[in-house]
């Protein structure tokens, strides 16, 4: 079970980092530099980013379990 959580946290961290690298600059440009400095705009961006990262992580973990690469023993 510990392996499951370690793998899940690592996948979540990597996916979050990659999504942030891909979308951060575009989000700042779309909202504008002045608007980006407000708390609400950044909060909305990170909330959506973490939600997307959670979804991608869930799909990857389910795929790894389905292919028996990630075996969880009780």
C-alpha atoms as a PDB file:
ATOM      1  CA  UNK A   1       0.000   0.000   0.000  1.00  0.00           C
ATOM      2  CA  UNK A   2       2.917   2.329   0.679  1.00  0.00           C
ATOM      3  CA  UNK A   3       4.150   1.794  -2.869  1.00  0.00           C
ATOM      4  CA  UNK A   4       0.782   2.876  -4.215  1.00  0.00           C
ATOM      5  CA  UNK A   5       0.890   6.200  -2.357  1.00  0.00           C
ATOM      6  CA  UNK A   6       4.512   6.909  -3.253  1.00  0.00           C
ATOM      7  CA  UNK A   7       3.839   6.252  -6.943  1.00  0.00           C
ATOM      8  CA  UNK A   8       0.627   8.308  -6.846  1.00  0.00           C
ATOM      9  CA  UNK A   9       2.302  11.297  -5.199  1.00  0.00           C
ATOM     10  CA  UNK A  10       5.219  11.161  -7.635  1.00  0.00           C
ATOM     11  CA  UNK A  11       2.883  10.996 -10.639  1.00  0.00           C
ATOM     12  CA  UNK A  12       0.822  13.896  -9.239  1.00  0.00           C
ATOM     13  CA  UNK A  13       3.932  16.033  -8.687  1.00  0.00           C
ATOM     14  CA  UNK A  14       5.317  15.336 -12.161  1.00  0.00           C
ATOM     15  CA  UNK A  15       1.980  15.963 -13.898  1.00  0.00           C
ATOM     16  CA  UNK A  16       1.431  19.200 -11.961  1.00  0.00           C
ATOM     17  CA  UNK A  17       4.926  20.418 -12.834  1.00  0.00           C
ATOM     18  CA  UNK A  18       4.517  19.598 -16.523  1.00  0.00           C
ATOM     19  CA  UNK A  19       1.074  21.206 -16.776  1.00  0.00           C
ATOM     20  CA  UNK A  20       2.314  24.324 -14.990  1.00  0.00           C
ATOM     21  CA  UNK A  21       5.297  24.575 -17.336  1.00  0.00           C
ATOM     22  CA  UNK A  22       3.008  24.256 -20.351  1.00  0.00           C
ATOM     23  CA  UNK A  23       0.218  26.616 -19.276  1.00  0.00           C
ATOM     24  CA  UNK A  24       1.568  29.228 -16.839  1.00  0.00           C
ATOM     25  CA  UNK A  25       2.909  31.749 -19.349  1.00  0.00           C
ATOM     26  CA  UNK A  26      -0.221  31.564 -21.503  1.00  0.00           C
ATOM     27  CA  UNK A  27      -2.441  32.069 -18.468  1.00  0.00           C
ATOM     28  CA  UNK A  28      -0.466  35.133 -17.391  1.00  0.00           C
ATOM     29  CA  UNK A  29      -0.679  36.574 -20.911  1.00  0.00           C
ATOM     30  CA  UNK A  30      -4.409  35.954 -21.215  1.00  0.00           C
ATOM     31  CA  UNK A  31      -5.307  37.487 -17.883  1.00  0.00           C
ATOM     32  CA  UNK A  32      -2.804  40.323 -18.141  1.00  0.00           C
ATOM     33  CA  UNK A  33       0.117  41.070 -15.855  1.00  0.00           C
ATOM     34  CA  UNK A  34      -1.844  43.471 -13.647  1.00  0.00           C
ATOM     35  CA  UNK A  35      -4.791  41.103 -13.264  1.00  0.00           C
ATOM     36  CA  UNK A  36      -2.462  38.147 -12.589  1.00  0.00           C
ATOM     37  CA  UNK A  37      -1.117  39.899  -9.502  1.00  0.00           C
ATOM     38  CA  UNK A  38      -4.527  39.757  -7.847  1.00  0.00           C
ATOM     39  CA  UNK A  39      -5.092  36.831  -5.530  1.00  0.00           C
ATOM     40  CA  UNK A  40      -8.268  35.563  -7.196  1.00  0.00           C
ATOM     41  CA  UNK A  41      -6.777  35.023 -10.644  1.00  0.00           C
ATOM     42  CA  UNK A  42      -3.847  32.979  -9.386  1.00  0.00           C
ATOM     43  CA  UNK A  43      -6.063  30.982  -7.040  1.00  0.00           C
ATOM     44  CA  UNK A  44      -8.412  30.093  -9.874  1.00  0.00           C
ATOM     45  CA  UNK A  45      -5.477  29.006 -12.081  1.00  0.00           C
ATOM     46  CA  UNK A  46      -3.877  26.775  -9.432  1.00  0.00           C
ATOM     47  CA  UNK A  47      -7.227  25.278  -8.432  1.00  0.00           C
ATOM     48  CA  UNK A  48      -7.909  24.243 -12.021  1.00  0.00           C
ATOM     49  CA  UNK A  49      -4.342  23.022 -12.451  1.00  0.00           C
ATOM     50  CA  UNK A  50      -4.545  20.784  -9.376  1.00  0.00           C
ATOM     51  CA  UNK A  51      -7.934  19.469 -10.463  1.00  0.00           C
ATOM     52  CA  UNK A  52      -6.596  18.557 -13.907  1.00  0.00           C
ATOM     53  CA  UNK A  53      -3.487  17.008 -12.349  1.00  0.00           C
ATOM     54  CA  UNK A  54      -5.648  14.909 -10.049  1.00  0.00           C
ATOM     55  CA  UNK A  55      -7.674  13.653 -13.011  1.00  0.00           C
ATOM     56  CA  UNK A  56      -4.600  12.764 -15.055  1.00  0.00           C
ATOM     57  CA  UNK A  57      -3.047  11.054 -12.029  1.00  0.00           C
ATOM     58  CA  UNK A  58      -6.181   8.994 -11.453  1.00  0.00           C
ATOM     59  CA  UNK A  59      -6.253   7.876 -15.084  1.00  0.00           C
ATOM     60  CA  UNK A  60      -2.544   6.966 -15.061  1.00  0.00           C
ATOM     61  CA  UNK A  61      -2.827   5.025 -11.785  1.00  0.00           C
ATOM     62  CA  UNK A  62      -5.906   3.171 -13.014  1.00  0.00           C
ATOM     63  CA  UNK A  63      -4.077   2.324 -16.235  1.00  0.00           C
ATOM     64  CA  UNK A  64      -1.049   1.063 -14.283  1.00  0.00           C
ATOM     65  CA  UNK A  65      -3.283  -1.100 -12.103  1.00  0.00           C
ATOM     66  CA  UNK A  66      -5.200  -2.387 -15.133  1.00  0.00           C
ATOM     67  CA  UNK A  67      -1.958  -3.456 -16.852  1.00  0.00           C
ATOM     68  CA  UNK A  68      -0.707  -5.011 -13.580  1.00  0.00           C
ATOM     69  CA  UNK A  69       2.360  -2.784 -13.495  1.00  0.00           C
ATOM     70  CA  UNK A  70       1.256  -1.357 -10.151  1.00  0.00           C
ATOM     71  CA  UNK A  71       0.283  -4.217  -7.867  1.00  0.00           C
ATOM     72  CA  UNK A  72      -1.227  -3.263  -4.519  1.00  0.00           C
ATOM     73  CA  UNK A  73      -0.992  -5.895  -1.820  1.00  0.00           C
ATOM     74  CA  UNK A  74      -2.822  -5.572   1.478  1.00  0.00           C
END
